[in-house]
């Protein structure tokens, strides 16, 4: 099965083309104003370099957020356009499940996602995600046992929860492709997932 995976919801735009668990091509770059062009150009390059066409893709997946408003809109719009033009299936996976792929098992797992505001996006274990200040989240975790914190805003929690285990590795589109193929239960509609208006 061939999977095209794209993450534009975070500060690093990441793409991957994976066939049956084997990485055919991947690319990444810091988020920029020109990421729409980079995204489409890189997808074309990856397909040509792998001797494939859009019609050969079995599944496409994109991170739906929360995260960068502009990045999410660009990524989902591009992927939906490709899916429509090539008649390929497109699914979404949210940022919390995406970041959790880099986190080891723990009594409790907190995913902290950057919001570029005072508040961050948080999900503790399988609870409903929230958009609150780090100090407020830290208060809620005062009586929690062993906790692992991951996500692109994890470091912002270090001052509040120094005893926690912090995951510094961030997943890439390769991890997203593997997750999409292994966990159909995490598939969602490819629409933006926002926690604030």
N, C-alpha and C. Protein backbone atom coordinates (compact mmCIF):
# COMPACT_ATOMS: atom_id res chain seq x y z
N UNK A 1 0.84 -1.19 0.00
CA UNK A 1 0.00 0.00 0.00
C UNK A 1 0.89 1.25 0.00
N UNK A 2 0.53 2.21 -0.83
CA UNK A 2 1.31 3.46 -0.93
C UNK A 2 0.55 4.58 -0.23
N UNK A 3 1.26 5.24 0.69
CA UNK A 3 0.65 6.31 1.48
C UNK A 3 1.43 7.61 1.30
N UNK A 4 0.71 8.69 1.03
CA UNK A 4 1.29 10.03 0.97
C UNK A 4 0.86 10.75 2.24
N UNK A 5 1.83 11.16 3.06
CA UNK A 5 1.53 11.80 4.34
C UNK A 5 2.09 13.21 4.36
N UNK A 6 1.30 14.15 4.90
CA UNK A 6 1.71 15.55 4.95
C UNK A 6 1.35 16.15 6.31
N UNK A 7 2.32 16.84 6.91
CA UNK A 7 2.05 17.60 8.13
C UNK A 7 2.40 19.06 7.87
N UNK A 8 1.40 19.93 7.92
CA UNK A 8 1.63 21.37 7.79
C UNK A 8 1.09 22.11 9.01
N UNK A 9 0.75 21.37 10.07
CA UNK A 9 0.12 21.98 11.24
C UNK A 9 1.12 22.52 12.25
N UNK A 10 2.40 22.16 12.10
CA UNK A 10 3.41 22.56 13.07
C UNK A 10 4.45 23.46 12.40
N UNK A 11 5.50 23.81 13.13
CA UNK A 11 6.50 24.74 12.61
C UNK A 11 7.40 24.12 11.55
N UNK A 12 7.39 22.80 11.46
CA UNK A 12 8.15 22.10 10.42
C UNK A 12 7.20 21.41 9.47
N UNK A 13 7.20 21.84 8.21
CA UNK A 13 6.38 21.19 7.19
C UNK A 13 7.08 19.90 6.79
N UNK A 14 6.35 18.80 6.80
CA UNK A 14 6.95 17.49 6.56
C UNK A 14 6.08 16.67 5.61
N UNK A 15 6.73 15.99 4.66
CA UNK A 15 6.02 15.14 3.69
C UNK A 15 6.73 13.80 3.59
N UNK A 16 5.98 12.76 3.28
CA UNK A 16 6.59 11.45 3.08
C UNK A 16 5.74 10.61 2.14
N UNK A 17 6.43 9.78 1.38
CA UNK A 17 5.80 8.80 0.52
C UNK A 17 6.30 7.44 0.99
N UNK A 18 5.37 6.60 1.44
CA UNK A 18 5.73 5.32 2.05
C UNK A 18 4.98 4.19 1.36
N UNK A 19 5.70 3.11 1.03
CA UNK A 19 5.07 1.94 0.42
C UNK A 19 5.32 0.72 1.29
N UNK A 20 4.25 0.14 1.83
CA UNK A 20 4.35 -1.06 2.66
C UNK A 20 5.40 -0.92 3.75
N UNK A 21 5.42 0.24 4.41
CA UNK A 21 6.34 0.47 5.50
C UNK A 21 7.71 0.96 5.10
N UNK A 22 8.00 0.94 3.79
CA UNK A 22 9.31 1.38 3.30
C UNK A 22 9.20 2.83 2.82
N UNK A 23 10.11 3.68 3.29
CA UNK A 23 10.09 5.10 2.90
C UNK A 23 10.66 5.25 1.50
N UNK A 24 9.83 5.72 0.58
CA UNK A 24 10.28 5.96 -0.80
C UNK A 24 10.91 7.35 -0.93
N UNK A 25 10.34 8.32 -0.22
CA UNK A 25 10.86 9.69 -0.29
C UNK A 25 10.30 10.47 0.88
N UNK A 26 11.07 11.47 1.33
CA UNK A 26 10.58 12.36 2.37
C UNK A 26 11.25 13.72 2.24
N UNK A 27 10.61 14.74 2.77
CA UNK A 27 11.16 16.10 2.72
C UNK A 27 10.58 16.89 3.87
N UNK A 28 11.33 17.87 4.34
CA UNK A 28 10.80 18.78 5.35
C UNK A 28 11.50 20.12 5.28
N UNK A 29 10.80 21.15 5.77
CA UNK A 29 11.32 22.51 5.76
C UNK A 29 10.60 23.31 6.83
N UNK A 30 11.23 24.34 7.38
CA UNK A 30 10.52 25.20 8.33
C UNK A 30 9.31 25.85 7.66
N UNK A 31 8.27 26.08 8.46
CA UNK A 31 7.06 26.73 7.95
C UNK A 31 7.44 28.08 7.35
N UNK A 32 6.84 28.41 6.21
CA UNK A 32 7.14 29.68 5.55
C UNK A 32 5.91 30.17 4.79
N UNK A 33 6.01 31.39 4.27
CA UNK A 33 4.90 31.95 3.50
C UNK A 33 4.68 31.19 2.19
N UNK A 34 5.72 30.52 1.72
CA UNK A 34 5.64 29.85 0.41
C UNK A 34 5.42 28.34 0.55
N UNK A 35 4.87 27.92 1.70
CA UNK A 35 4.80 26.48 1.92
C UNK A 35 3.82 25.77 0.98
N UNK A 36 2.84 26.50 0.46
CA UNK A 36 1.91 25.87 -0.50
C UNK A 36 2.65 25.42 -1.75
N UNK A 37 3.52 26.29 -2.28
CA UNK A 37 4.30 25.93 -3.46
C UNK A 37 5.29 24.81 -3.15
N UNK A 38 5.94 24.91 -1.98
CA UNK A 38 6.89 23.87 -1.58
C UNK A 38 6.19 22.52 -1.48
N UNK A 39 5.02 22.52 -0.87
CA UNK A 39 4.26 21.28 -0.69
C UNK A 39 3.96 20.61 -2.02
N UNK A 40 3.35 21.35 -2.94
CA UNK A 40 2.96 20.76 -4.22
C UNK A 40 4.17 20.37 -5.06
N UNK A 41 5.22 21.21 -5.04
CA UNK A 41 6.45 20.90 -5.80
C UNK A 41 7.11 19.64 -5.27
N UNK A 42 7.19 19.51 -3.95
CA UNK A 42 7.84 18.35 -3.35
C UNK A 42 7.05 17.07 -3.58
N UNK A 43 5.72 17.15 -3.54
CA UNK A 43 4.91 15.95 -3.82
C UNK A 43 5.18 15.48 -5.24
N UNK A 44 5.20 16.43 -6.20
CA UNK A 44 5.50 16.07 -7.59
C UNK A 44 6.87 15.42 -7.70
N UNK A 45 7.88 16.00 -7.05
CA UNK A 45 9.24 15.46 -7.10
C UNK A 45 9.31 14.06 -6.50
N UNK A 46 8.62 13.87 -5.38
CA UNK A 46 8.65 12.56 -4.73
C UNK A 46 8.02 11.49 -5.62
N UNK A 47 6.91 11.84 -6.25
CA UNK A 47 6.24 10.87 -7.13
C UNK A 47 7.09 10.55 -8.35
N UNK A 48 7.62 11.58 -9.00
CA UNK A 48 8.47 11.37 -10.18
C UNK A 48 9.70 10.55 -9.82
N UNK A 49 10.34 10.90 -8.69
CA UNK A 49 11.53 10.18 -8.26
C UNK A 49 11.26 8.73 -7.90
N UNK A 50 10.02 8.43 -7.53
CA UNK A 50 9.63 7.05 -7.18
C UNK A 50 8.94 6.34 -8.34
N UNK A 51 8.89 7.02 -9.50
CA UNK A 51 8.26 6.46 -10.70
C UNK A 51 6.79 6.11 -10.45
N UNK A 52 6.10 7.03 -9.78
CA UNK A 52 4.70 6.83 -9.46
C UNK A 52 3.87 8.01 -9.95
N UNK A 53 2.56 7.78 -10.06
CA UNK A 53 1.62 8.85 -10.41
C UNK A 53 0.64 9.01 -9.25
N UNK A 54 -0.10 10.11 -9.25
CA UNK A 54 -1.07 10.33 -8.18
C UNK A 54 -2.05 9.16 -8.06
N UNK A 55 -2.40 8.59 -9.19
CA UNK A 55 -3.37 7.49 -9.20
C UNK A 55 -2.83 6.23 -8.52
N UNK A 56 -1.51 6.16 -8.32
CA UNK A 56 -0.92 4.99 -7.65
C UNK A 56 -1.04 5.07 -6.14
N UNK A 57 -1.36 6.23 -5.61
CA UNK A 57 -1.46 6.41 -4.16
C UNK A 57 -2.72 5.70 -3.65
N UNK A 58 -2.56 4.91 -2.61
CA UNK A 58 -3.70 4.20 -2.03
C UNK A 58 -4.37 4.99 -0.92
N UNK A 59 -3.59 5.78 -0.20
CA UNK A 59 -4.14 6.54 0.92
C UNK A 59 -3.34 7.82 1.11
N UNK A 60 -4.05 8.92 1.34
CA UNK A 60 -3.40 10.18 1.67
C UNK A 60 -3.85 10.59 3.07
N UNK A 61 -2.92 11.16 3.84
CA UNK A 61 -3.23 11.56 5.21
C UNK A 61 -2.60 12.91 5.49
N UNK A 62 -3.33 13.75 6.23
CA UNK A 62 -2.83 15.07 6.62
C UNK A 62 -3.15 15.31 8.09
N UNK A 63 -2.26 16.04 8.77
CA UNK A 63 -2.53 16.43 10.16
C UNK A 63 -3.56 17.56 10.15
N UNK A 64 -4.60 17.40 10.95
CA UNK A 64 -5.73 18.34 10.92
C UNK A 64 -5.65 19.45 11.97
N UNK A 65 -4.66 19.37 12.87
CA UNK A 65 -4.54 20.37 13.91
C UNK A 65 -4.97 19.80 15.25
N UNK A 66 -4.97 20.65 16.28
CA UNK A 66 -4.71 22.08 16.24
C UNK A 66 -3.24 22.39 15.96
N UNK A 67 -2.99 23.66 15.67
CA UNK A 67 -1.64 24.10 15.33
C UNK A 67 -1.71 25.39 14.55
N UNK A 68 -0.83 25.51 13.58
CA UNK A 68 -0.76 26.71 12.75
C UNK A 68 -2.02 26.85 11.89
N UNK A 69 -2.79 27.91 12.12
CA UNK A 69 -4.02 28.12 11.34
C UNK A 69 -3.72 28.14 9.85
N UNK A 70 -2.74 28.93 9.45
CA UNK A 70 -2.40 29.05 8.03
C UNK A 70 -1.90 27.73 7.49
N UNK A 71 -1.00 27.09 8.20
CA UNK A 71 -0.45 25.82 7.75
C UNK A 71 -1.51 24.75 7.56
N UNK A 72 -2.43 24.65 8.52
CA UNK A 72 -3.51 23.67 8.43
C UNK A 72 -4.36 23.92 7.20
N UNK A 73 -4.74 25.17 6.99
CA UNK A 73 -5.59 25.49 5.84
C UNK A 73 -4.89 25.18 4.52
N UNK A 74 -3.60 25.56 4.42
CA UNK A 74 -2.85 25.31 3.18
C UNK A 74 -2.71 23.81 2.93
N UNK A 75 -2.31 23.09 3.96
CA UNK A 75 -2.09 21.65 3.80
C UNK A 75 -3.35 20.90 3.44
N UNK A 76 -4.43 21.19 4.14
CA UNK A 76 -5.68 20.48 3.86
C UNK A 76 -6.26 20.86 2.52
N UNK A 77 -6.16 22.14 2.15
CA UNK A 77 -6.67 22.57 0.85
C UNK A 77 -5.92 21.88 -0.28
N UNK A 78 -4.58 21.83 -0.16
CA UNK A 78 -3.78 21.18 -1.19
C UNK A 78 -4.10 19.69 -1.29
N UNK A 79 -4.17 19.03 -0.16
CA UNK A 79 -4.43 17.60 -0.16
C UNK A 79 -5.85 17.27 -0.64
N UNK A 80 -6.80 18.11 -0.28
CA UNK A 80 -8.16 17.87 -0.75
C UNK A 80 -8.25 18.07 -2.26
N UNK A 81 -7.50 19.06 -2.76
CA UNK A 81 -7.48 19.27 -4.21
C UNK A 81 -6.88 18.08 -4.94
N UNK A 82 -5.79 17.55 -4.40
CA UNK A 82 -5.15 16.38 -5.01
C UNK A 82 -6.09 15.18 -4.94
N UNK A 83 -6.72 14.99 -3.79
CA UNK A 83 -7.63 13.85 -3.62
C UNK A 83 -8.79 13.91 -4.60
N UNK A 84 -9.31 15.11 -4.78
CA UNK A 84 -10.45 15.29 -5.70
C UNK A 84 -10.02 15.04 -7.14
N UNK A 85 -8.88 15.62 -7.53
CA UNK A 85 -8.42 15.50 -8.92
C UNK A 85 -8.01 14.07 -9.27
N UNK A 86 -7.44 13.35 -8.29
CA UNK A 86 -6.94 12.00 -8.58
C UNK A 86 -7.88 10.90 -8.09
N UNK A 87 -8.98 11.30 -7.46
CA UNK A 87 -9.96 10.35 -6.93
C UNK A 87 -9.30 9.37 -5.95
N UNK A 88 -8.49 9.90 -5.05
CA UNK A 88 -7.80 9.10 -4.03
C UNK A 88 -8.39 9.40 -2.65
N UNK A 89 -8.42 8.43 -1.75
CA UNK A 89 -8.96 8.68 -0.41
C UNK A 89 -8.02 9.54 0.43
N UNK A 90 -8.61 10.47 1.18
CA UNK A 90 -7.86 11.36 2.06
C UNK A 90 -8.47 11.29 3.46
N UNK A 91 -7.62 11.07 4.46
CA UNK A 91 -8.08 11.05 5.85
C UNK A 91 -7.25 12.04 6.67
N UNK A 92 -7.74 12.36 7.84
CA UNK A 92 -7.02 13.25 8.74
C UNK A 92 -6.64 12.54 10.02
N UNK A 93 -5.58 13.02 10.67
CA UNK A 93 -5.19 12.58 12.01
C UNK A 93 -4.85 13.84 12.80
N UNK A 94 -5.38 13.97 14.01
CA UNK A 94 -5.17 15.21 14.76
C UNK A 94 -3.76 15.31 15.32
N UNK A 95 -3.37 16.52 15.70
CA UNK A 95 -2.02 16.79 16.18
C UNK A 95 -1.67 16.02 17.44
N UNK A 96 -2.65 15.79 18.31
CA UNK A 96 -2.38 15.08 19.55
C UNK A 96 -1.97 13.63 19.28
N UNK A 97 -2.70 12.96 18.41
CA UNK A 97 -2.35 11.57 18.06
C UNK A 97 -1.04 11.53 17.30
N UNK A 98 -0.80 12.54 16.47
CA UNK A 98 0.45 12.62 15.71
C UNK A 98 1.64 12.75 16.66
N UNK A 99 1.60 13.67 17.60
CA UNK A 99 2.72 13.85 18.53
C UNK A 99 2.88 12.66 19.47
N UNK A 100 1.78 12.01 19.79
CA UNK A 100 1.85 10.88 20.72
C UNK A 100 2.66 9.71 20.15
N UNK A 101 2.84 9.68 18.83
CA UNK A 101 3.61 8.58 18.23
C UNK A 101 5.06 8.60 18.69
N UNK A 102 5.56 9.76 19.13
CA UNK A 102 6.96 9.87 19.58
C UNK A 102 7.11 9.66 21.08
N UNK A 103 6.00 9.38 21.76
CA UNK A 103 6.03 9.27 23.22
C UNK A 103 5.96 7.82 23.68
N UNK A 104 6.83 7.50 24.63
CA UNK A 104 6.83 6.16 25.19
C UNK A 104 5.65 5.99 26.15
N UNK A 105 5.38 4.74 26.50
CA UNK A 105 4.30 4.47 27.44
C UNK A 105 4.63 5.08 28.80
N UNK A 106 3.61 5.57 29.48
CA UNK A 106 3.79 6.18 30.79
C UNK A 106 2.47 6.09 31.53
N UNK A 107 2.53 6.30 32.85
CA UNK A 107 1.29 6.29 33.64
C UNK A 107 0.34 7.36 33.10
N UNK A 108 0.93 8.53 32.79
CA UNK A 108 0.14 9.61 32.19
C UNK A 108 0.95 10.25 31.07
N UNK A 109 0.25 10.64 30.01
CA UNK A 109 0.92 11.30 28.88
C UNK A 109 0.21 12.61 28.58
N UNK A 110 1.00 13.67 28.54
CA UNK A 110 0.46 14.99 28.21
C UNK A 110 1.07 15.46 26.90
N UNK A 111 0.22 15.77 25.93
CA UNK A 111 0.68 16.34 24.66
C UNK A 111 0.41 17.84 24.72
N UNK A 112 1.48 18.62 24.52
CA UNK A 112 1.37 20.08 24.53
C UNK A 112 1.68 20.60 23.13
N UNK A 113 0.73 21.30 22.53
CA UNK A 113 0.87 21.77 21.15
C UNK A 113 0.92 23.29 21.13
N UNK A 114 1.85 23.82 20.36
CA UNK A 114 2.06 25.27 20.25
C UNK A 114 0.82 25.96 19.68
N UNK A 115 0.49 27.11 20.27
CA UNK A 115 -0.65 27.89 19.78
C UNK A 115 -0.23 29.31 19.41
N UNK A 116 1.04 29.67 19.69
CA UNK A 116 1.57 31.01 19.41
C UNK A 116 0.80 32.08 20.21
N UNK A 117 0.25 31.66 21.34
CA UNK A 117 -0.43 32.57 22.27
C UNK A 117 0.03 32.22 23.69
N UNK A 118 -0.56 32.88 24.68
CA UNK A 118 -0.25 32.57 26.07
C UNK A 118 -0.69 31.16 26.43
N UNK A 119 -1.83 30.78 25.91
CA UNK A 119 -2.35 29.44 26.16
C UNK A 119 -1.73 28.45 25.18
N UNK A 120 -1.72 27.19 25.59
CA UNK A 120 -1.28 26.11 24.71
C UNK A 120 -2.44 25.14 24.53
N UNK A 121 -2.30 24.26 23.55
CA UNK A 121 -3.28 23.19 23.37
C UNK A 121 -2.75 21.97 24.13
N UNK A 122 -3.59 21.40 24.98
CA UNK A 122 -3.18 20.25 25.77
C UNK A 122 -4.16 19.09 25.63
N UNK A 123 -3.61 17.87 25.68
CA UNK A 123 -4.45 16.68 25.87
C UNK A 123 -3.74 15.78 26.87
N UNK A 124 -4.41 15.49 27.95
CA UNK A 124 -3.89 14.57 28.96
C UNK A 124 -4.53 13.21 28.75
N UNK A 125 -3.68 12.21 28.54
CA UNK A 125 -4.14 10.84 28.28
C UNK A 125 -5.19 10.87 27.16
N UNK A 126 -6.37 10.32 27.41
CA UNK A 126 -7.41 10.31 26.37
C UNK A 126 -8.55 11.28 26.69
N UNK A 127 -8.25 12.26 27.54
CA UNK A 127 -9.27 13.24 27.90
C UNK A 127 -9.50 14.23 26.75
N UNK A 128 -10.57 14.99 26.88
CA UNK A 128 -10.86 16.02 25.87
C UNK A 128 -9.75 17.08 25.90
N UNK A 129 -9.26 17.52 24.75
CA UNK A 129 -8.21 18.54 24.73
C UNK A 129 -8.73 19.90 25.20
N UNK A 130 -7.79 20.72 25.71
CA UNK A 130 -8.15 22.05 26.21
C UNK A 130 -7.14 23.08 25.69
N UNK A 131 -7.53 24.34 25.75
CA UNK A 131 -6.68 25.46 25.35
C UNK A 131 -6.55 26.38 26.55
N UNK A 132 -5.50 26.17 27.38
CA UNK A 132 -5.34 26.92 28.62
C UNK A 132 -3.87 27.30 28.81
N UNK A 133 -3.60 28.14 29.81
CA UNK A 133 -2.24 28.56 30.11
C UNK A 133 -1.46 27.40 30.76
N UNK A 134 -0.15 27.35 30.52
CA UNK A 134 0.67 26.29 31.12
C UNK A 134 0.54 26.20 32.64
N UNK A 135 0.47 27.35 33.32
CA UNK A 135 0.38 27.33 34.78
C UNK A 135 -0.93 26.69 35.23
N UNK A 136 -2.00 26.88 34.46
CA UNK A 136 -3.28 26.26 34.80
C UNK A 136 -3.22 24.75 34.62
N UNK A 137 -2.57 24.30 33.54
CA UNK A 137 -2.42 22.86 33.33
C UNK A 137 -1.57 22.25 34.43
N UNK A 138 -0.51 22.95 34.81
CA UNK A 138 0.38 22.44 35.86
C UNK A 138 -0.39 22.25 37.17
N UNK A 139 -1.29 23.16 37.50
CA UNK A 139 -2.09 23.03 38.72
C UNK A 139 -2.96 21.78 38.66
N UNK A 140 -3.50 21.49 37.50
CA UNK A 140 -4.34 20.30 37.35
C UNK A 140 -3.55 19.01 37.51
N UNK A 141 -2.24 19.11 37.31
CA UNK A 141 -1.40 17.91 37.34
C UNK A 141 -0.63 17.74 38.66
N UNK A 142 -0.92 18.58 39.65
CA UNK A 142 -0.18 18.53 40.90
C UNK A 142 -0.23 17.17 41.58
N UNK A 143 -1.36 16.50 41.48
CA UNK A 143 -1.51 15.21 42.16
C UNK A 143 -1.35 14.02 41.22
N UNK A 144 -0.96 14.29 39.98
CA UNK A 144 -0.79 13.21 39.00
C UNK A 144 0.56 12.54 39.22
N UNK A 145 0.62 11.23 39.02
CA UNK A 145 1.87 10.49 39.21
C UNK A 145 2.85 10.70 38.08
N UNK A 146 3.52 9.64 37.67
CA UNK A 146 4.52 9.73 36.59
C UNK A 146 3.87 10.26 35.32
N UNK A 147 4.52 11.25 34.73
CA UNK A 147 3.95 11.85 33.52
C UNK A 147 5.04 12.09 32.48
N UNK A 148 4.70 11.80 31.23
CA UNK A 148 5.57 12.07 30.10
C UNK A 148 4.93 13.19 29.29
N UNK A 149 5.73 14.18 28.91
CA UNK A 149 5.21 15.33 28.16
C UNK A 149 5.89 15.41 26.80
N UNK A 150 5.08 15.48 25.75
CA UNK A 150 5.59 15.59 24.39
C UNK A 150 4.82 16.63 23.62
N UNK A 151 5.18 16.82 22.36
CA UNK A 151 4.54 17.84 21.53
C UNK A 151 5.50 18.98 21.29
N UNK A 152 5.17 19.83 20.32
CA UNK A 152 6.11 20.90 19.96
C UNK A 152 6.15 22.03 20.98
N UNK A 153 5.28 21.99 22.01
CA UNK A 153 5.32 22.99 23.07
C UNK A 153 5.68 22.36 24.42
N UNK A 154 6.20 21.14 24.40
CA UNK A 154 6.51 20.44 25.64
C UNK A 154 7.49 21.21 26.51
N UNK A 155 8.50 21.81 25.89
CA UNK A 155 9.53 22.52 26.67
C UNK A 155 8.95 23.67 27.50
N UNK A 156 7.82 24.20 27.08
CA UNK A 156 7.20 25.30 27.82
C UNK A 156 6.62 24.83 29.16
N UNK A 157 6.55 23.51 29.36
CA UNK A 157 6.04 22.97 30.61
C UNK A 157 7.16 22.59 31.57
N UNK A 158 8.40 22.65 31.11
CA UNK A 158 9.52 22.19 31.95
C UNK A 158 9.65 22.99 33.25
N UNK A 159 9.44 24.30 33.17
CA UNK A 159 9.56 25.13 34.37
C UNK A 159 8.48 24.82 35.40
N UNK A 160 7.33 24.31 34.93
CA UNK A 160 6.22 24.02 35.83
C UNK A 160 6.25 22.59 36.35
N UNK A 161 6.77 21.67 35.54
CA UNK A 161 6.78 20.25 35.90
C UNK A 161 8.16 19.66 35.65
N UNK A 162 9.18 20.14 36.38
CA UNK A 162 10.55 19.68 36.13
C UNK A 162 10.76 18.18 36.39
N UNK A 163 9.87 17.59 37.18
CA UNK A 163 10.01 16.17 37.51
C UNK A 163 9.49 15.25 36.39
N UNK A 164 8.81 15.83 35.41
CA UNK A 164 8.24 15.02 34.31
C UNK A 164 9.34 14.53 33.37
N UNK A 165 9.00 13.52 32.58
CA UNK A 165 9.88 13.06 31.51
C UNK A 165 9.48 13.80 30.23
N UNK A 166 10.47 14.42 29.58
CA UNK A 166 10.17 15.22 28.39
C UNK A 166 10.67 14.53 27.13
N UNK A 167 9.82 14.50 26.12
CA UNK A 167 10.17 13.93 24.82
C UNK A 167 10.60 15.06 23.91
N UNK A 168 11.83 15.03 23.46
CA UNK A 168 12.33 16.11 22.60
C UNK A 168 12.20 15.79 21.12
N UNK A 169 12.09 14.51 20.81
CA UNK A 169 11.95 14.11 19.40
C UNK A 169 10.54 14.42 18.91
N UNK A 170 10.47 15.06 17.76
CA UNK A 170 9.17 15.31 17.15
C UNK A 170 8.97 14.35 15.98
N UNK A 171 7.77 13.82 15.84
CA UNK A 171 7.51 12.91 14.72
C UNK A 171 7.54 13.64 13.39
N UNK A 172 7.71 12.88 12.31
CA UNK A 172 7.72 13.43 10.96
C UNK A 172 6.57 12.82 10.16
N UNK A 173 6.49 13.20 8.91
CA UNK A 173 5.44 12.64 8.05
C UNK A 173 5.61 11.14 7.85
N UNK A 174 6.84 10.64 8.01
CA UNK A 174 7.04 9.18 7.94
C UNK A 174 6.28 8.52 9.07
N UNK A 175 6.39 9.07 10.28
CA UNK A 175 5.64 8.54 11.42
C UNK A 175 4.14 8.65 11.19
N UNK A 176 3.73 9.75 10.57
CA UNK A 176 2.31 9.95 10.26
C UNK A 176 1.80 8.88 9.31
N UNK A 177 2.58 8.56 8.29
CA UNK A 177 2.18 7.52 7.34
C UNK A 177 2.04 6.17 8.04
N UNK A 178 3.03 5.82 8.87
CA UNK A 178 2.96 4.54 9.60
C UNK A 178 1.74 4.51 10.52
N UNK A 179 1.46 5.64 11.18
CA UNK A 179 0.31 5.72 12.08
C UNK A 179 -1.00 5.55 11.31
N UNK A 180 -1.10 6.21 10.17
CA UNK A 180 -2.32 6.13 9.36
C UNK A 180 -2.59 4.70 8.89
N UNK A 181 -1.53 3.99 8.55
CA UNK A 181 -1.69 2.62 8.06
C UNK A 181 -1.96 1.63 9.19
N UNK A 182 -1.40 1.90 10.36
CA UNK A 182 -1.52 0.96 11.48
C UNK A 182 -2.75 1.19 12.36
N UNK A 183 -3.25 2.43 12.37
CA UNK A 183 -4.33 2.77 13.30
C UNK A 183 -5.52 3.41 12.59
N UNK A 184 -6.31 2.61 11.86
CA UNK A 184 -7.49 3.18 11.21
C UNK A 184 -8.50 3.76 12.20
N UNK A 185 -8.40 3.35 13.47
CA UNK A 185 -9.32 3.89 14.48
C UNK A 185 -9.06 5.37 14.75
N UNK A 186 -7.89 5.87 14.34
CA UNK A 186 -7.57 7.28 14.55
C UNK A 186 -7.95 8.15 13.36
N UNK A 187 -8.41 7.54 12.27
CA UNK A 187 -8.77 8.30 11.08
C UNK A 187 -9.95 9.22 11.35
N UNK A 188 -9.85 10.45 10.87
CA UNK A 188 -10.96 11.39 10.95
C UNK A 188 -11.17 12.01 9.57
N UNK A 189 -12.20 12.79 9.46
CA UNK A 189 -12.42 13.54 8.22
C UNK A 189 -11.31 14.58 8.10
N UNK A 190 -10.86 14.83 6.88
CA UNK A 190 -9.77 15.78 6.65
C UNK A 190 -10.26 17.21 6.65
N UNK A 191 -10.68 17.67 7.83
CA UNK A 191 -11.13 19.06 8.02
C UNK A 191 -10.36 19.64 9.20
N UNK A 192 -10.19 20.96 9.25
CA UNK A 192 -9.41 21.56 10.35
C UNK A 192 -10.01 21.25 11.71
N UNK A 193 -9.13 20.94 12.66
CA UNK A 193 -9.52 20.69 14.05
C UNK A 193 -8.99 21.87 14.87
N UNK A 194 -9.89 22.79 15.21
CA UNK A 194 -9.51 23.96 15.97
C UNK A 194 -10.09 23.87 17.39
N UNK A 195 -9.33 24.35 18.37
CA UNK A 195 -9.85 24.39 19.75
C UNK A 195 -10.31 25.78 20.14
N UNK A 196 -10.03 26.77 19.30
CA UNK A 196 -10.55 28.11 19.56
C UNK A 196 -11.01 28.71 18.24
N UNK A 197 -11.91 29.65 18.33
CA UNK A 197 -12.47 30.25 17.11
C UNK A 197 -11.39 31.03 16.37
